[in-house]
């Protein structure tokens, strides 16, 4: 749906899910991607904005580069055990629901 513009997500034409049909030519493959929340929308926006600023004003040579890059990483992958556990549980639940539908 992202390629057709029906999703708020950006299209990722090189995603691993597109390699599966080629590797499993005799199987019907239905792939999906999950986007699970991290931080507030404003914090993610601010991290993206800072990284964009960095790109246009000095890149990795800028003294603030390391902090900006770390904040961007944490915006999409928080270093929080509780969050990581919840993501595993949500992912497992989605896979189990999909398997139930295949029966």
PDB file of N, CA and C in Angstrom:
ATOM      1  N   UNK A   1       0.807  -1.201   0.000  1.00  0.00           N
ATOM      2  CA  UNK A   1       0.000   0.000   0.000  1.00  0.00           C
ATOM      3  C   UNK A   1       0.851   1.267   0.000  1.00  0.00           C
ATOM      4  N   UNK A   2       2.072   1.188   0.531  1.00  0.00           N
ATOM      5  CA  UNK A   2       2.891   2.398   0.542  1.00  0.00           C
ATOM      6  C   UNK A   2       3.268   2.814  -0.872  1.00  0.00           C
ATOM      7  N   UNK A   3       3.483   1.852  -1.767  1.00  0.00           N
ATOM      8  CA  UNK A   3       3.849   2.188  -3.149  1.00  0.00           C
ATOM      9  C   UNK A   3       2.698   2.868  -3.882  1.00  0.00           C
ATOM     10  N   UNK A   4       1.467   2.537  -3.505  1.00  0.00           N
ATOM     11  CA  UNK A   4       0.305   3.116  -4.179  1.00  0.00           C
ATOM     12  C   UNK A   4      -0.117   4.443  -3.569  1.00  0.00           C
ATOM     13  N   UNK A   5       0.516   4.837  -2.462  1.00  0.00           N
ATOM     14  CA  UNK A   5       0.156   6.093  -1.826  1.00  0.00           C
ATOM     15  C   UNK A   5      -0.972   5.973  -0.824  1.00  0.00           C
ATOM     16  N   UNK A   6      -1.388   4.748  -0.496  1.00  0.00           N
ATOM     17  CA  UNK A   6      -2.490   4.541   0.439  1.00  0.00           C
ATOM     18  C   UNK A   6      -2.025   4.461   1.889  1.00  0.00           C
ATOM     19  N   UNK A   7      -0.747   4.632   2.132  1.00  0.00           N
ATOM     20  CA  UNK A   7      -0.186   4.516   3.472  1.00  0.00           C
ATOM     21  C   UNK A   7       0.533   5.804   3.846  1.00  0.00           C
ATOM     22  N   UNK A   8       0.611   6.077   5.149  1.00  0.00           N
ATOM     23  CA  UNK A   8       1.393   7.228   5.591  1.00  0.00           C
ATOM     24  C   UNK A   8       2.876   6.906   5.574  1.00  0.00           C
ATOM     25  N   UNK A   9       3.226   5.636   5.406  1.00  0.00           N
ATOM     26  CA  UNK A   9       4.625   5.212   5.398  1.00  0.00           C
ATOM     27  C   UNK A   9       5.258   5.465   4.039  1.00  0.00           C
ATOM     28  N   UNK A  10       6.541   5.688   4.085  1.00  0.00           N
ATOM     29  CA  UNK A  10       7.298   5.846   2.850  1.00  0.00           C
ATOM     30  C   UNK A  10       7.461   4.479   2.183  1.00  0.00           C
ATOM     31  N   UNK A  11       7.491   4.455   0.867  1.00  0.00           N
ATOM     32  CA  UNK A  11       7.691   3.209   0.135  1.00  0.00           C
ATOM     33  C   UNK A  11       9.150   2.765   0.277  1.00  0.00           C
ATOM     34  N   UNK A  12       9.353   1.498   0.606  1.00  0.00           N
ATOM     35  CA  UNK A  12      10.699   0.933   0.743  1.00  0.00           C
ATOM     36  C   UNK A  12      10.889  -0.139  -0.322  1.00  0.00           C
ATOM     37  N   UNK A  13      11.337   0.251  -1.499  1.00  0.00           N
ATOM     38  CA  UNK A  13      11.432  -0.701  -2.605  1.00  0.00           C
ATOM     39  C   UNK A  13      12.499  -1.779  -2.419  1.00  0.00           C
ATOM     40  N   UNK A  14      13.406  -1.617  -1.473  1.00  0.00           N
ATOM     41  CA  UNK A  14      14.469  -2.605  -1.276  1.00  0.00           C
ATOM     42  C   UNK A  14      14.287  -3.399   0.013  1.00  0.00           C
ATOM     43  N   UNK A  15      13.074  -3.503   0.487  1.00  0.00           N
ATOM     44  CA  UNK A  15      12.800  -4.224   1.726  1.00  0.00           C
ATOM     45  C   UNK A  15      13.022  -5.728   1.553  1.00  0.00           C
ATOM     46  N   UNK A  16      13.426  -6.372   2.627  1.00  0.00           N
ATOM     47  CA  UNK A  16      13.660  -7.812   2.622  1.00  0.00           C
ATOM     48  C   UNK A  16      12.420  -8.587   2.170  1.00  0.00           C
ATOM     49  N   UNK A  17      11.252  -8.074   2.494  1.00  0.00           N
ATOM     50  CA  UNK A  17      10.029  -8.804   2.133  1.00  0.00           C
ATOM     51  C   UNK A  17       9.871  -8.997   0.625  1.00  0.00           C
ATOM     52  N   UNK A  18      10.523  -8.162  -0.173  1.00  0.00           N
ATOM     53  CA  UNK A  18      10.428  -8.311  -1.626  1.00  0.00           C
ATOM     54  C   UNK A  18      11.364  -9.383  -2.164  1.00  0.00           C
ATOM     55  N   UNK A  19      12.294  -9.841  -1.364  1.00  0.00           N
ATOM     56  CA  UNK A  19      13.203 -10.914  -1.784  1.00  0.00           C
ATOM     57  C   UNK A  19      12.557 -12.279  -1.612  1.00  0.00           C
ATOM     58  N   UNK A  20      11.580 -12.402  -0.746  1.00  0.00           N
ATOM     59  CA  UNK A  20      10.985 -13.707  -0.444  1.00  0.00           C
ATOM     60  C   UNK A  20      10.350 -14.400  -1.644  1.00  0.00           C
ATOM     61  N   UNK A  21       9.552 -13.722  -2.455  1.00  0.00           N
ATOM     62  CA  UNK A  21       8.974 -14.422  -3.612  1.00  0.00           C
ATOM     63  C   UNK A  21      10.023 -15.010  -4.552  1.00  0.00           C
ATOM     64  N   UNK A  22      11.150 -14.322  -4.726  1.00  0.00           N
ATOM     65  CA  UNK A  22      12.218 -14.838  -5.585  1.00  0.00           C
ATOM     66  C   UNK A  22      12.872 -16.083  -4.979  1.00  0.00           C
ATOM     67  N   UNK A  23      12.994 -16.087  -3.646  1.00  0.00           N
ATOM     68  CA  UNK A  23      13.645 -17.208  -2.958  1.00  0.00           C
ATOM     69  C   UNK A  23      12.702 -18.386  -2.761  1.00  0.00           C
ATOM     70  N   UNK A  24      11.392 -18.131  -2.848  1.00  0.00           N
ATOM     71  CA  UNK A  24      10.383 -19.185  -2.660  1.00  0.00           C
ATOM     72  C   UNK A  24       9.464 -19.218  -3.875  1.00  0.00           C
ATOM     73  N   UNK A  25       9.981 -19.595  -5.041  1.00  0.00           N
ATOM     74  CA  UNK A  25       9.209 -19.475  -6.277  1.00  0.00           C
ATOM     75  C   UNK A  25       7.961 -20.356  -6.341  1.00  0.00           C
ATOM     76  N   UNK A  26       7.904 -21.407  -5.541  1.00  0.00           N
ATOM     77  CA  UNK A  26       6.739 -22.302  -5.576  1.00  0.00           C
ATOM     78  C   UNK A  26       5.760 -22.023  -4.443  1.00  0.00           C
ATOM     79  N   UNK A  27       5.934 -20.915  -3.772  1.00  0.00           N
ATOM     80  CA  UNK A  27       5.067 -20.583  -2.637  1.00  0.00           C
ATOM     81  C   UNK A  27       4.316 -19.290  -2.908  1.00  0.00           C
ATOM     82  N   UNK A  28       3.130 -19.226  -2.350  1.00  0.00           N
ATOM     83  CA  UNK A  28       2.394 -17.964  -2.365  1.00  0.00           C
ATOM     84  C   UNK A  28       2.900 -17.156  -1.167  1.00  0.00           C
ATOM     85  N   UNK A  29       3.419 -15.979  -1.421  1.00  0.00           N
ATOM     86  CA  UNK A  29       3.992 -15.154  -0.357  1.00  0.00           C
ATOM     87  C   UNK A  29       3.136 -13.908  -0.174  1.00  0.00           C
ATOM     88  N   UNK A  30       2.694 -13.698   1.026  1.00  0.00           N
ATOM     89  CA  UNK A  30       2.022 -12.463   1.396  1.00  0.00           C
ATOM     90  C   UNK A  30       2.854 -11.850   2.515  1.00  0.00           C
ATOM     91  N   UNK A  31       3.463 -10.732   2.236  1.00  0.00           N
ATOM     92  CA  UNK A  31       4.353 -10.103   3.218  1.00  0.00           C
ATOM     93  C   UNK A  31       3.752  -8.791   3.699  1.00  0.00           C
ATOM     94  N   UNK A  32       4.161  -8.404   4.884  1.00  0.00           N
ATOM     95  CA  UNK A  32       3.701  -7.126   5.425  1.00  0.00           C
ATOM     96  C   UNK A  32       4.804  -6.535   6.275  1.00  0.00           C
ATOM     97  N   UNK A  33       4.663  -5.280   6.566  1.00  0.00           N
ATOM     98  CA  UNK A  33       5.592  -4.584   7.459  1.00  0.00           C
ATOM     99  C   UNK A  33       4.782  -3.993   8.596  1.00  0.00           C
ATOM    100  N   UNK A  34       5.335  -4.058   9.777  1.00  0.00           N
ATOM    101  CA  UNK A  34       4.687  -3.461  10.934  1.00  0.00           C
ATOM    102  C   UNK A  34       5.445  -2.212  11.338  1.00  0.00           C
ATOM    103  N   UNK A  35       4.717  -1.180  11.638  1.00  0.00           N
ATOM    104  CA  UNK A  35       5.321   0.006  12.218  1.00  0.00           C
ATOM    105  C   UNK A  35       4.722   0.150  13.602  1.00  0.00           C
ATOM    106  N   UNK A  36       5.578   0.101  14.591  1.00  0.00           N
ATOM    107  CA  UNK A  36       5.128   0.178  15.971  1.00  0.00           C
ATOM    108  C   UNK A  36       5.720   1.427  16.596  1.00  0.00           C
ATOM    109  N   UNK A  37       4.935   2.107  17.395  1.00  0.00           N
ATOM    110  CA  UNK A  37       5.325   3.393  17.942  1.00  0.00           C
ATOM    111  C   UNK A  37       6.560   3.370  18.828  1.00  0.00           C
ATOM    112  N   UNK A  38       7.199   4.512  18.906  1.00  0.00           N
ATOM    113  CA  UNK A  38       8.372   4.663  19.758  1.00  0.00           C
ATOM    114  C   UNK A  38       8.134   5.827  20.705  1.00  0.00           C
ATOM    115  N   UNK A  39       8.440   7.015  20.258  1.00  0.00           N
ATOM    116  CA  UNK A  39       8.303   8.223  21.067  1.00  0.00           C
ATOM    117  C   UNK A  39       7.132   9.050  20.546  1.00  0.00           C
ATOM    118  N   UNK A  40       6.869  10.156  21.180  1.00  0.00           N
ATOM    119  CA  UNK A  40       5.799  11.033  20.709  1.00  0.00           C
ATOM    120  C   UNK A  40       6.119  11.524  19.294  1.00  0.00           C
ATOM    121  N   UNK A  41       5.103  11.852  18.562  1.00  0.00           N
ATOM    122  CA  UNK A  41       5.295  12.347  17.190  1.00  0.00           C
ATOM    123  C   UNK A  41       6.196  13.571  17.176  1.00  0.00           C
ATOM    124  N   UNK A  42       6.044  14.443  18.154  1.00  0.00           N
ATOM    125  CA  UNK A  42       6.860  15.654  18.182  1.00  0.00           C
ATOM    126  C   UNK A  42       8.335  15.332  18.424  1.00  0.00           C
ATOM    127  N   UNK A  43       8.632  14.387  19.301  1.00  0.00           N
ATOM    128  CA  UNK A  43      10.034  14.025  19.541  1.00  0.00           C
ATOM    129  C   UNK A  43      10.654  13.390  18.301  1.00  0.00           C
ATOM    130  N   UNK A  44       9.894  12.549  17.610  1.00  0.00           N
ATOM    131  CA  UNK A  44      10.407  11.938  16.371  1.00  0.00           C
ATOM    132  C   UNK A  44      10.639  13.032  15.331  1.00  0.00           C
ATOM    133  N   UNK A  45       9.681  13.943  15.205  1.00  0.00           N
ATOM    134  CA  UNK A  45       9.823  15.047  14.251  1.00  0.00           C
ATOM    135  C   UNK A  45      11.065  15.877  14.563  1.00  0.00           C
ATOM    136  N   UNK A  46      11.278  16.194  15.833  1.00  0.00           N
ATOM    137  CA  UNK A  46      12.429  17.013  16.212  1.00  0.00           C
ATOM    138  C   UNK A  46      13.754  16.285  15.912  1.00  0.00           C
ATOM    139  N   UNK A  47      13.774  14.971  16.123  1.00  0.00           N
ATOM    140  CA  UNK A  47      14.976  14.196  15.809  1.00  0.00           C
ATOM    141  C   UNK A  47      15.239  14.203  14.302  1.00  0.00           C
ATOM    142  N   UNK A  48      14.194  14.046  13.515  1.00  0.00           N
ATOM    143  CA  UNK A  48      14.338  14.087  12.058  1.00  0.00           C
ATOM    144  C   UNK A  48      14.763  15.478  11.587  1.00  0.00           C
ATOM    145  N   UNK A  49      14.189  16.480  12.194  1.00  0.00           N
ATOM    146  CA  UNK A  49      14.534  17.857  11.834  1.00  0.00           C
ATOM    147  C   UNK A  49      16.003  18.148  12.134  1.00  0.00           C
ATOM    148  N   UNK A  50      16.468  17.713  13.307  1.00  0.00           N
ATOM    149  CA  UNK A  50      17.867  17.932  13.674  1.00  0.00           C
ATOM    150  C   UNK A  50      18.807  17.200  12.719  1.00  0.00           C
ATOM    151  N   UNK A  51      18.445  15.973  12.345  1.00  0.00           N
ATOM    152  CA  UNK A  51      19.289  15.206  11.425  1.00  0.00           C
ATOM    153  C   UNK A  51      19.307  15.858  10.045  1.00  0.00           C
ATOM    154  N   UNK A  52      18.188  16.415   9.625  1.00  0.00           N
ATOM    155  CA  UNK A  52      18.141  17.129   8.350  1.00  0.00           C
ATOM    156  C   UNK A  52      19.026  18.369   8.402  1.00  0.00           C
ATOM    157  N   UNK A  53      18.963  19.089   9.510  1.00  0.00           N
ATOM    158  CA  UNK A  53      19.825  20.253   9.690  1.00  0.00           C
ATOM    159  C   UNK A  53      21.295  19.830   9.602  1.00  0.00           C
ATOM    160  N   UNK A  54      21.626  18.741  10.282  1.00  0.00           N
ATOM    161  CA  UNK A  54      23.003  18.249  10.279  1.00  0.00           C
ATOM    162  C   UNK A  54      23.466  17.914   8.862  1.00  0.00           C
ATOM    163  N   UNK A  55      22.603  17.280   8.109  1.00  0.00           N
ATOM    164  CA  UNK A  55      22.925  16.914   6.719  1.00  0.00           C
ATOM    165  C   UNK A  55      23.321  18.149   5.902  1.00  0.00           C
ATOM    166  N   UNK A  56      22.635  19.253   6.138  1.00  0.00           N
ATOM    167  CA  UNK A  56      22.871  20.470   5.358  1.00  0.00           C
ATOM    168  C   UNK A  56      23.927  21.402   5.968  1.00  0.00           C
ATOM    169  N   UNK A  57      24.344  21.115   7.206  1.00  0.00           N
ATOM    170  CA  UNK A  57      25.258  22.037   7.895  1.00  0.00           C
ATOM    171  C   UNK A  57      26.410  21.312   8.578  1.00  0.00           C
ATOM    172  N   UNK A  58      27.181  20.604   7.820  1.00  0.00           N
ATOM    173  CA  UNK A  58      28.424  20.092   8.366  1.00  0.00           C
ATOM    174  C   UNK A  58      28.541  18.592   8.512  1.00  0.00           C
ATOM    175  N   UNK A  59      27.461  17.885   8.449  1.00  0.00           N
ATOM    176  CA  UNK A  59      27.532  16.432   8.529  1.00  0.00           C
ATOM    177  C   UNK A  59      28.243  15.936   9.772  1.00  0.00           C
ATOM    178  N   UNK A  60      28.925  14.830   9.642  1.00  0.00           N
ATOM    179  CA  UNK A  60      29.586  14.191  10.785  1.00  0.00           C
ATOM    180  C   UNK A  60      30.718  15.012  11.392  1.00  0.00           C
ATOM    181  N   UNK A  61      31.191  16.005  10.678  1.00  0.00           N
ATOM    182  CA  UNK A  61      32.261  16.853  11.204  1.00  0.00           C
ATOM    183  C   UNK A  61      31.735  17.864  12.215  1.00  0.00           C
ATOM    184  N   UNK A  62      30.436  18.080  12.228  1.00  0.00           N
ATOM    185  CA  UNK A  62      29.842  19.029  13.159  1.00  0.00           C
ATOM    186  C   UNK A  62      29.977  18.502  14.583  1.00  0.00           C
ATOM    187  N   UNK A  63      30.331  19.347  15.547  1.00  0.00           N
ATOM    188  CA  UNK A  63      30.490  18.884  16.933  1.00  0.00           C
ATOM    189  C   UNK A  63      29.220  18.288  17.535  1.00  0.00           C
ATOM    190  N   UNK A  64      28.059  18.623  16.989  1.00  0.00           N
ATOM    191  CA  UNK A  64      26.790  18.089  17.518  1.00  0.00           C
ATOM    192  C   UNK A  64      26.342  16.821  16.804  1.00  0.00           C
ATOM    193  N   UNK A  65      27.117  16.367  15.833  1.00  0.00           N
ATOM    194  CA  UNK A  65      26.712  15.233  14.995  1.00  0.00           C
ATOM    195  C   UNK A  65      26.429  13.975  15.812  1.00  0.00           C
ATOM    196  N   UNK A  66      27.310  13.612  16.702  1.00  0.00           N
ATOM    197  CA  UNK A  66      27.145  12.370  17.455  1.00  0.00           C
ATOM    198  C   UNK A  66      25.846  12.382  18.270  1.00  0.00           C
ATOM    199  N   UNK A  67      25.569  13.493  18.922  1.00  0.00           N
ATOM    200  CA  UNK A  67      24.341  13.599  19.722  1.00  0.00           C
ATOM    201  C   UNK A  67      23.098  13.543  18.830  1.00  0.00           C
ATOM    202  N   UNK A  68      23.129  14.245  17.710  1.00  0.00           N
ATOM    203  CA  UNK A  68      21.976  14.261  16.797  1.00  0.00           C
ATOM    204  C   UNK A  68      21.725  12.866  16.235  1.00  0.00           C
ATOM    205  N   UNK A  69      22.784  12.174  15.819  1.00  0.00           N
ATOM    206  CA  UNK A  69      22.629  10.816  15.279  1.00  0.00           C
ATOM    207  C   UNK A  69      22.097   9.862  16.343  1.00  0.00           C
ATOM    208  N   UNK A  70      22.560  10.003  17.578  1.00  0.00           N
ATOM    209  CA  UNK A  70      22.083   9.140  18.667  1.00  0.00           C
ATOM    210  C   UNK A  70      20.605   9.392  18.946  1.00  0.00           C
ATOM    211  N   UNK A  71      20.191  10.652  18.917  1.00  0.00           N
ATOM    212  CA  UNK A  71      18.780  10.975  19.142  1.00  0.00           C
ATOM    213  C   UNK A  71      17.904  10.426  18.016  1.00  0.00           C
ATOM    214  N   UNK A  72      18.404  10.474  16.797  1.00  0.00           N
ATOM    215  CA  UNK A  72      17.640   9.927  15.671  1.00  0.00           C
ATOM    216  C   UNK A  72      17.471   8.413  15.833  1.00  0.00           C
ATOM    217  N   UNK A  73      18.541   7.724  16.186  1.00  0.00           N
ATOM    218  CA  UNK A  73      18.449   6.283  16.407  1.00  0.00           C
ATOM    219  C   UNK A  73      17.425   5.972  17.489  1.00  0.00           C
ATOM    220  N   UNK A  74      17.476   6.678  18.599  1.00  0.00           N
ATOM    221  CA  UNK A  74      16.552   6.425  19.714  1.00  0.00           C
ATOM    222  C   UNK A  74      15.112   6.777  19.358  1.00  0.00           C
ATOM    223  N   UNK A  75      14.921   7.675  18.396  1.00  0.00           N
ATOM    224  CA  UNK A  75      13.563   8.011  17.972  1.00  0.00           C
ATOM    225  C   UNK A  75      12.883   6.828  17.293  1.00  0.00           C
ATOM    226  N   UNK A  76      13.688   5.964  16.672  1.00  0.00           N
ATOM    227  CA  UNK A  76      13.127   4.811  15.972  1.00  0.00           C
ATOM    228  C   UNK A  76      13.423   3.482  16.658  1.00  0.00           C
ATOM    229  N   UNK A  77      14.373   3.487  17.582  1.00  0.00           N
ATOM    230  CA  UNK A  77      14.725   2.270  18.307  1.00  0.00           C
ATOM    231  C   UNK A  77      15.165   2.645  19.718  1.00  0.00           C
ATOM    232  N   UNK A  78      14.175   2.907  20.595  1.00  0.00           N
ATOM    233  CA  UNK A  78      14.505   3.317  21.956  1.00  0.00           C
ATOM    234  C   UNK A  78      15.305   2.244  22.698  1.00  0.00           C
ATOM    235  N   UNK A  79      16.239   2.695  23.513  1.00  0.00           N
ATOM    236  CA  UNK A  79      17.044   1.787  24.322  1.00  0.00           C
ATOM    237  C   UNK A  79      16.333   1.554  25.656  1.00  0.00           C
ATOM    238  N   UNK A  80      15.179   0.898  25.570  1.00  0.00           N
ATOM    239  CA  UNK A  80      14.353   0.662  26.750  1.00  0.00           C
ATOM    240  C   UNK A  80      13.877  -0.793  26.730  1.00  0.00           C
ATOM    241  N   UNK A  81      14.243  -1.540  27.734  1.00  0.00           N
ATOM    242  CA  UNK A  81      13.898  -2.962  27.801  1.00  0.00           C
ATOM    243  C   UNK A  81      12.388  -3.178  27.715  1.00  0.00           C
ATOM    244  N   UNK A  82      11.620  -2.359  28.402  1.00  0.00           N
ATOM    245  CA  UNK A  82      10.162  -2.507  28.383  1.00  0.00           C
ATOM    246  C   UNK A  82       9.607  -2.326  26.970  1.00  0.00           C
ATOM    247  N   UNK A  83      10.097  -1.315  26.247  1.00  0.00           N
ATOM    248  CA  UNK A  83       9.639  -1.089  24.880  1.00  0.00           C
ATOM    249  C   UNK A  83       9.999  -2.276  23.996  1.00  0.00           C
ATOM    250  N   UNK A  84      11.238  -2.774  24.109  1.00  0.00           N
ATOM    251  CA  UNK A  84      11.677  -3.905  23.293  1.00  0.00           C
ATOM    252  C   UNK A  84      10.833  -5.142  23.574  1.00  0.00           C
ATOM    253  N   UNK A  85      10.491  -5.371  24.831  1.00  0.00           N
ATOM    254  CA  UNK A  85       9.644  -6.520  25.187  1.00  0.00           C
ATOM    255  C   UNK A  85       8.258  -6.385  24.569  1.00  0.00           C
ATOM    256  N   UNK A  86       7.694  -5.200  24.649  1.00  0.00           N
ATOM    257  CA  UNK A  86       6.363  -4.967  24.068  1.00  0.00           C
ATOM    258  C   UNK A  86       6.369  -5.186  22.558  1.00  0.00           C
ATOM    259  N   UNK A  87       7.460  -4.767  21.895  1.00  0.00           N
ATOM    260  CA  UNK A  87       7.560  -4.939  20.442  1.00  0.00           C
ATOM    261  C   UNK A  87       7.594  -6.421  20.084  1.00  0.00           C
ATOM    262  N   UNK A  88       8.366  -7.209  20.829  1.00  0.00           N
ATOM    263  CA  UNK A  88       8.412  -8.661  20.582  1.00  0.00           C
ATOM    264  C   UNK A  88       7.036  -9.275  20.776  1.00  0.00           C
ATOM    265  N   UNK A  89       6.328  -8.877  21.826  1.00  0.00           N
ATOM    266  CA  UNK A  89       4.999  -9.425  22.102  1.00  0.00           C
ATOM    267  C   UNK A  89       4.032  -9.044  20.982  1.00  0.00           C
ATOM    268  N   UNK A  90       4.039  -7.778  20.571  1.00  0.00           N
ATOM    269  CA  UNK A  90       3.144  -7.348  19.498  1.00  0.00           C
ATOM    270  C   UNK A  90       3.465  -8.059  18.190  1.00  0.00           C
ATOM    271  N   UNK A  91       4.735  -8.195  17.890  1.00  0.00           N
ATOM    272  CA  UNK A  91       5.129  -8.904  16.671  1.00  0.00           C
ATOM    273  C   UNK A  91       4.688 -10.356  16.699  1.00  0.00           C
ATOM    274  N   UNK A  92       4.918 -11.031  17.833  1.00  0.00           N
ATOM    275  CA  UNK A  92       4.495 -12.426  17.972  1.00  0.00           C
ATOM    276  C   UNK A  92       2.985 -12.543  17.810  1.00  0.00           C
ATOM    277  N   UNK A  93       2.234 -11.638  18.421  1.00  0.00           N
ATOM    278  CA  UNK A  93       0.772 -11.674  18.324  1.00  0.00           C
ATOM    279  C   UNK A  93       0.301 -11.540  16.878  1.00  0.00           C
ATOM    280  N   UNK A  94       0.938 -10.659  16.126  1.00  0.00           N
ATOM    281  CA  UNK A  94       0.550 -10.469  14.721  1.00  0.00           C
ATOM    282  C   UNK A  94       0.849 -11.734  13.917  1.00  0.00           C
ATOM    283  N   UNK A  95       2.007 -12.335  14.131  1.00  0.00           N
ATOM    284  CA  UNK A  95       2.360 -13.578  13.424  1.00  0.00           C
ATOM    285  C   UNK A  95       1.376 -14.690  13.794  1.00  0.00           C
ATOM    286  N   UNK A  96       1.059 -14.823  15.059  1.00  0.00           N
ATOM    287  CA  UNK A  96       0.099 -15.856  15.476  1.00  0.00           C
ATOM    288  C   UNK A  96      -1.265 -15.631  14.867  1.00  0.00           C
ATOM    289  N   UNK A  97      -1.719 -14.390  14.809  1.00  0.00           N
ATOM    290  CA  UNK A  97      -3.003 -14.098  14.181  1.00  0.00           C
ATOM    291  C   UNK A  97      -2.996 -14.430  12.693  1.00  0.00           C
ATOM    292  N   UNK A  98      -1.897 -14.145  12.040  1.00  0.00           N
ATOM    293  CA  UNK A  98      -1.786 -14.473  10.614  1.00  0.00           C
ATOM    294  C   UNK A  98      -1.792 -15.980  10.413  1.00  0.00           C
ATOM    295  N   UNK A  99      -1.077 -16.726  11.263  1.00  0.00           N
ATOM    296  CA  UNK A  99      -1.057 -18.184  11.139  1.00  0.00           C
ATOM    297  C   UNK A  99      -2.434 -18.788  11.374  1.00  0.00           C
ATOM    298  N   UNK A 100      -3.181 -18.239  12.309  1.00  0.00           N
ATOM    299  CA  UNK A 100      -4.545 -18.725  12.550  1.00  0.00           C
ATOM    300  C   UNK A 100      -5.398 -18.564  11.297  1.00  0.00           C
ATOM    301  N   UNK A 101      -5.236 -17.458  10.599  1.00  0.00           N
ATOM    302  CA  UNK A 101      -6.018 -17.205   9.383  1.00  0.00           C
ATOM    303  C   UNK A 101      -5.624 -18.142   8.243  1.00  0.00           C
ATOM    304  N   UNK A 102      -4.428 -18.689   8.287  1.00  0.00           N
ATOM    305  CA  UNK A 102      -3.989 -19.596   7.236  1.00  0.00           C
ATOM    306  C   UNK A 102      -4.526 -21.003   7.406  1.00  0.00           C
ATOM    307  N   UNK A 103      -5.029 -21.322   8.568  1.00  0.00           N
ATOM    308  CA  UNK A 103      -5.533 -22.695   8.813  1.00  0.00           C
ATOM    309  C   UNK A 103      -6.812 -22.960   8.074  1.00  0.00           C
TER     310      UNK A 103
END
